[in-house]
């Protein structure tokens, strides 16, 4: 599959069919609110942070560039959003095909109405009507062409491409409406307002320590260039960046959804990371912003775990970030946070271990004999599965590569294993 060539979207949907069908299962519909499920699908991909580092596991992906990966991740996020918001579980292949067909129609209608600059004719030069698949593929090609090149710079990508997440969020609302002109006008207005809200959040967070570095200003200018804001809004954005903005002055749109508030909070957290070491004033700012969003300390802790876990999982790919954050510092903070959650849920974890025959057998063997590499990997996988039974990790993903067996044994309470050995 080559995302720069015609037919890539069809190939990709066939390749990911199993994963996408799982999103529509009865189990998925019962386990979590759709917004929580969307966060769990989208956040690990990096799309919320303007990165294209998520695991796709396609055999051709080594030949893809950043824009290819971003295009595939955007397509997956849009389709996943549609499937997770589907009103009921899908039980047969025919129904699944119909839902995918309707989703592709929705993607085309959404971008044609809400992003008029991407408008794509529904017919060829010779009058043949294009299929929803062809239209969606062409529109996604155009959308990704608007994004910035990473150029080995985490922050350029963050400021240029994080707005792609707003596409997914607004699309999740769009699919529940009848797309008449009044509705389209509303969503175009919302698109502009939400983009400007991100500008205000970044501005406020950048001023958290009462000073703005040269690099922050330069990155903010990159961001403004990528927002497609009207000239008057750009002028206003630069004005407020010069003057700063308190949390109370951000004035986010009323009745924000859970996932949108998570996005704003995590954008603010990462903005404070852009200014070298996170200072105490910036930590205090993030707490106050969290409360402003009507989140509590646990919500903040979960977002920090999500961001730190994402960064640790993709450390080698986020090379420019390495100039700003020390790996050991991020690792220690992440481990301590997960340790605290594991300790709070110690009885639940102990029960899960007691009920896992595979883990008990491996623990018994480890008392007298060294485990093989295959057995170590099996135990690692089982322990991650057990850790995921904690409610926090139903929504917040755990970094798979970072969580080696020694790291898991360091994180989990020691007496879990002593009692079961």
Foldseek 3Di string as FASTA:
>chain_A
DALVDPPPLVVLCVVCVVVLLVCQAQVNLPPDQLLLVLLQLQLLCCQLQLFRRHDPPDPPCVPDARLSSNLSSLVVSQSSLQSNPPPHHDDDPVVVVVSVQVSLVLLLVLCVLQVVVLNDDQADPVGHGHGSSRSNSSSSVVVSVLFDHCPLASLLSRLGRSLSVVVSVLSSVSVVDDDDNVVSVVSNVVLQQLLLLLLQLLLQLCCLVPDHDPVSVVSSVSNLVRSPHPPVSSVVSVVCSVVGDHLVRSPRDPPDDPNSLLSSLLSSVVSCLVVADNDPSSVVRSQVNCVVSVHHPVSVLLSLLQVLQSCLLCVVSSPNSCVRDPNVVSVVSNLVSLLVLLVVCVVQLLVLCVPDPLLLVLLVCVVPDDDDPVSQVVNQVSLLVSSCVRVSNVSRPGRNVVSHSVSSCVRHDVVSSVVRD
